[in-house]
Amino acid sequence: MSDVNFDCPACAQNIEAPLKMAGMQILCPGCRALLQIPWPSEAAAQRAQRKAKSATSPITVEGGIPPAPEKRRVVIKRAAGGQA
Protein backbone atom coordinates (compact mmCIF):
# COMPACT_ATOMS: atom_id res chain seq x y z
CA MET A 1 0.00 0.00 0.00
CA SER A 2 1.33 3.48 -0.84
CA ASP A 3 1.84 6.33 1.56
CA VAL A 4 0.77 9.97 1.56
CA ASN A 5 3.68 12.38 1.96
CA PHE A 6 2.84 15.96 2.98
CA ASP A 7 4.01 18.90 5.09
CA CYS A 8 2.39 20.29 8.23
CA PRO A 9 0.84 23.65 7.31
CA ALA A 10 1.86 25.09 10.70
CA CYS A 11 5.55 24.10 11.00
CA ALA A 12 6.44 22.54 7.59
CA GLN A 13 7.37 19.21 9.23
CA ASN A 14 7.43 16.54 6.52
CA ILE A 15 5.01 13.74 7.40
CA GLU A 16 4.36 10.38 5.79
CA ALA A 17 1.18 8.46 6.58
CA PRO A 18 -0.45 5.29 5.22
CA LEU A 19 -2.97 5.90 2.43
CA LYS A 20 -5.75 4.39 4.56
CA MET A 21 -5.38 7.36 6.96
CA ALA A 22 -6.15 9.98 4.26
CA GLY A 23 -8.87 12.35 5.49
CA MET A 24 -8.22 11.63 9.17
CA GLN A 25 -7.17 14.30 11.65
CA ILE A 26 -3.93 13.87 13.58
CA LEU A 27 -1.58 15.92 15.73
CA CYS A 28 1.60 16.98 13.97
CA PRO A 29 4.55 15.13 15.51
CA GLY A 30 6.63 18.30 15.23
CA CYS A 31 4.43 21.09 16.60
CA ARG A 32 1.36 19.21 17.88
CA ALA A 33 -0.99 21.24 15.64
CA LEU A 34 -4.22 19.52 14.63
CA LEU A 35 -4.17 18.77 10.90
CA GLN A 36 -5.96 16.62 8.37
CA ILE A 37 -4.04 14.06 6.32
CA PRO A 38 -4.64 15.04 2.69
CA TRP A 39 -5.75 12.70 -0.05
CA PRO A 40 -2.97 11.74 -2.50
CA SER A 41 -4.05 14.29 -5.13
CA GLU A 42 -3.95 17.09 -2.52
CA ALA A 43 -0.55 15.90 -1.29
CA ALA A 44 0.78 15.86 -4.87
CA ALA A 45 -0.43 19.42 -5.39
CA GLN A 46 1.27 20.45 -2.14
CA ARG A 47 4.56 18.83 -3.25
CA ALA A 48 4.37 20.63 -6.61
CA GLN A 49 3.81 23.93 -4.84
CA ARG A 50 6.70 23.25 -2.43
CA LYS A 51 8.96 22.37 -5.37
CA ALA A 52 8.01 25.58 -7.19
CA LYS A 53 8.77 27.64 -4.08
CA SER A 54 12.17 26.01 -3.65
CA ALA A 55 13.03 26.57 -7.31
CA THR A 56 12.72 30.32 -6.89
CA SER A 57 14.63 32.40 -4.43
CA PRO A 58 13.83 35.91 -3.35
CA ILE A 59 16.25 38.65 -4.30
CA THR A 60 17.63 40.26 -1.20
CA VAL A 61 19.72 43.36 -0.97
CA GLU A 62 21.38 44.67 2.13
CA GLY A 63 18.99 47.18 3.64
CA GLY A 64 15.78 45.76 2.15
CA ILE A 65 14.30 46.71 -1.19
CA PRO A 66 16.79 47.10 -4.03
CA PRO A 67 17.09 50.62 -5.44
CA ALA A 68 15.19 51.41 -8.61
CA PRO A 69 17.34 51.61 -11.71
CA GLU A 70 18.31 55.10 -12.76
CA LYS A 71 16.03 56.57 -15.37
CA ARG A 72 17.63 57.63 -18.58
CA ARG A 73 16.94 61.21 -19.52
CA VAL A 74 17.03 62.17 -23.15
CA VAL A 75 17.16 65.86 -24.12
CA ILE A 76 16.32 66.85 -27.67
CA LYS A 77 17.51 70.33 -28.56
CA ARG A 78 15.42 72.43 -30.83
CA ALA A 79 16.82 73.96 -33.95
CA ALA A 80 17.89 77.58 -33.84
CA GLY A 81 15.11 80.08 -34.40
CA GLY A 82 12.49 78.20 -32.35
CA GLN A 83 11.33 75.94 -35.17
CA ALA A 84 11.82 72.21 -35.23
C-alpha atoms as a PDB file:
ATOM      1  CA  MET A   1       0.000   0.000   0.000  1.00  0.00           C
ATOM      2  CA  SER A   2       1.331   3.477  -0.838  1.00  0.00           C
ATOM      3  CA  ASP A   3       1.843   6.334   1.561  1.00  0.00           C
ATOM      4  CA  VAL A   4       0.771   9.969   1.559  1.00  0.00           C
ATOM      5  CA  ASN A   5       3.675  12.381   1.955  1.00  0.00           C
ATOM      6  CA  PHE A   6       2.835  15.961   2.977  1.00  0.00           C
ATOM      7  CA  ASP A   7       4.015  18.897   5.091  1.00  0.00           C
ATOM      8  CA  CYS A   8       2.394  20.286   8.226  1.00  0.00           C
ATOM      9  CA  PRO A   9       0.836  23.646   7.314  1.00  0.00           C
ATOM     10  CA  ALA A  10       1.863  25.091  10.697  1.00  0.00           C
ATOM     11  CA  CYS A  11       5.546  24.097  10.998  1.00  0.00           C
ATOM     12  CA  ALA A  12       6.441  22.539   7.588  1.00  0.00           C
ATOM     13  CA  GLN A  13       7.373  19.209   9.233  1.00  0.00           C
ATOM     14  CA  ASN A  14       7.430  16.538   6.516  1.00  0.00           C
ATOM     15  CA  ILE A  15       5.006  13.742   7.402  1.00  0.00           C
ATOM     16  CA  GLU A  16       4.361  10.384   5.785  1.00  0.00           C
ATOM     17  CA  ALA A  17       1.182   8.456   6.579  1.00  0.00           C
ATOM     18  CA  PRO A  18      -0.453   5.290   5.217  1.00  0.00           C
ATOM     19  CA  LEU A  19      -2.966   5.898   2.433  1.00  0.00           C
ATOM     20  CA  LYS A  20      -5.750   4.386   4.558  1.00  0.00           C
ATOM     21  CA  MET A  21      -5.382   7.359   6.965  1.00  0.00           C
ATOM     22  CA  ALA A  22      -6.153   9.981   4.262  1.00  0.00           C
ATOM     23  CA  GLY A  23      -8.871  12.348   5.486  1.00  0.00           C
ATOM     24  CA  MET A  24      -8.215  11.627   9.174  1.00  0.00           C
ATOM     25  CA  GLN A  25      -7.172  14.298  11.653  1.00  0.00           C
ATOM     26  CA  ILE A  26      -3.926  13.869  13.576  1.00  0.00           C
ATOM     27  CA  LEU A  27      -1.580  15.915  15.729  1.00  0.00           C
ATOM     28  CA  CYS A  28       1.597  16.978  13.974  1.00  0.00           C
ATOM     29  CA  PRO A  29       4.548  15.133  15.510  1.00  0.00           C
ATOM     30  CA  GLY A  30       6.627  18.298  15.226  1.00  0.00           C
ATOM     31  CA  CYS A  31       4.433  21.093  16.595  1.00  0.00           C
ATOM     32  CA  ARG A  32       1.362  19.208  17.881  1.00  0.00           C
ATOM     33  CA  ALA A  33      -0.990  21.236  15.643  1.00  0.00           C
ATOM     34  CA  LEU A  34      -4.220  19.522  14.632  1.00  0.00           C
ATOM     35  CA  LEU A  35      -4.170  18.771  10.901  1.00  0.00           C
ATOM     36  CA  GLN A  36      -5.959  16.620   8.372  1.00  0.00           C
ATOM     37  CA  ILE A  37      -4.041  14.064   6.325  1.00  0.00           C
ATOM     38  CA  PRO A  38      -4.637  15.040   2.688  1.00  0.00           C
ATOM     39  CA  TRP A  39      -5.752  12.699  -0.052  1.00  0.00           C
ATOM     40  CA  PRO A  40      -2.966  11.743  -2.496  1.00  0.00           C
ATOM     41  CA  SER A  41      -4.047  14.292  -5.133  1.00  0.00           C
ATOM     42  CA  GLU A  42      -3.949  17.087  -2.518  1.00  0.00           C
ATOM     43  CA  ALA A  43      -0.552  15.903  -1.291  1.00  0.00           C
ATOM     44  CA  ALA A  44       0.779  15.860  -4.871  1.00  0.00           C
ATOM     45  CA  ALA A  45      -0.433  19.425  -5.388  1.00  0.00           C
ATOM     46  CA  GLN A  46       1.269  20.450  -2.143  1.00  0.00           C
ATOM     47  CA  ARG A  47       4.557  18.831  -3.252  1.00  0.00           C
ATOM     48  CA  ALA A  48       4.372  20.631  -6.607  1.00  0.00           C
ATOM     49  CA  GLN A  49       3.813  23.930  -4.836  1.00  0.00           C
ATOM     50  CA  ARG A  50       6.700  23.249  -2.432  1.00  0.00           C
ATOM     51  CA  LYS A  51       8.961  22.374  -5.369  1.00  0.00           C
ATOM     52  CA  ALA A  52       8.010  25.575  -7.192  1.00  0.00           C
ATOM     53  CA  LYS A  53       8.772  27.638  -4.082  1.00  0.00           C
ATOM     54  CA  SER A  54      12.170  26.015  -3.645  1.00  0.00           C
ATOM     55  CA  ALA A  55      13.032  26.572  -7.313  1.00  0.00           C
ATOM     56  CA  THR A  56      12.725  30.318  -6.891  1.00  0.00           C
ATOM     57  CA  SER A  57      14.631  32.399  -4.428  1.00  0.00           C
ATOM     58  CA  PRO A  58      13.829  35.915  -3.346  1.00  0.00           C
ATOM     59  CA  ILE A  59      16.251  38.650  -4.296  1.00  0.00           C
ATOM     60  CA  THR A  60      17.632  40.262  -1.205  1.00  0.00           C
ATOM     61  CA  VAL A  61      19.723  43.364  -0.974  1.00  0.00           C
ATOM     62  CA  GLU A  62      21.378  44.667   2.132  1.00  0.00           C
ATOM     63  CA  GLY A  63      18.994  47.177   3.643  1.00  0.00           C
ATOM     64  CA  GLY A  64      15.776  45.762   2.148  1.00  0.00           C
ATOM     65  CA  ILE A  65      14.300  46.713  -1.189  1.00  0.00           C
ATOM     66  CA  PRO A  66      16.791  47.097  -4.032  1.00  0.00           C
ATOM     67  CA  PRO A  67      17.089  50.622  -5.443  1.00  0.00           C
ATOM     68  CA  ALA A  68      15.185  51.411  -8.606  1.00  0.00           C
ATOM     69  CA  PRO A  69      17.338  51.610 -11.708  1.00  0.00           C
ATOM     70  CA  GLU A  70      18.308  55.099 -12.761  1.00  0.00           C
ATOM     71  CA  LYS A  71      16.031  56.571 -15.370  1.00  0.00           C
ATOM     72  CA  ARG A  72      17.633  57.634 -18.581  1.00  0.00           C
ATOM     73  CA  ARG A  73      16.940  61.206 -19.515  1.00  0.00           C
ATOM     74  CA  VAL A  74      17.033  62.175 -23.151  1.00  0.00           C
ATOM     75  CA  VAL A  75      17.157  65.858 -24.117  1.00  0.00           C
ATOM     76  CA  ILE A  76      16.317  66.853 -27.675  1.00  0.00           C
ATOM     77  CA  LYS A  77      17.511  70.334 -28.555  1.00  0.00           C
ATOM     78  CA  ARG A  78      15.424  72.427 -30.827  1.00  0.00           C
ATOM     79  CA  ALA A  79      16.815  73.958 -33.952  1.00  0.00           C
ATOM     80  CA  ALA A  80      17.885  77.581 -33.836  1.00  0.00           C
ATOM     81  CA  GLY A  81      15.107  80.080 -34.397  1.00  0.00           C
ATOM     82  CA  GLY A  82      12.493  78.200 -32.347  1.00  0.00           C
ATOM     83  CA  GLN A  83      11.332  75.943 -35.173  1.00  0.00           C
ATOM     84  CA  ALA A  84      11.820  72.208 -35.235  1.00  0.00           C
END
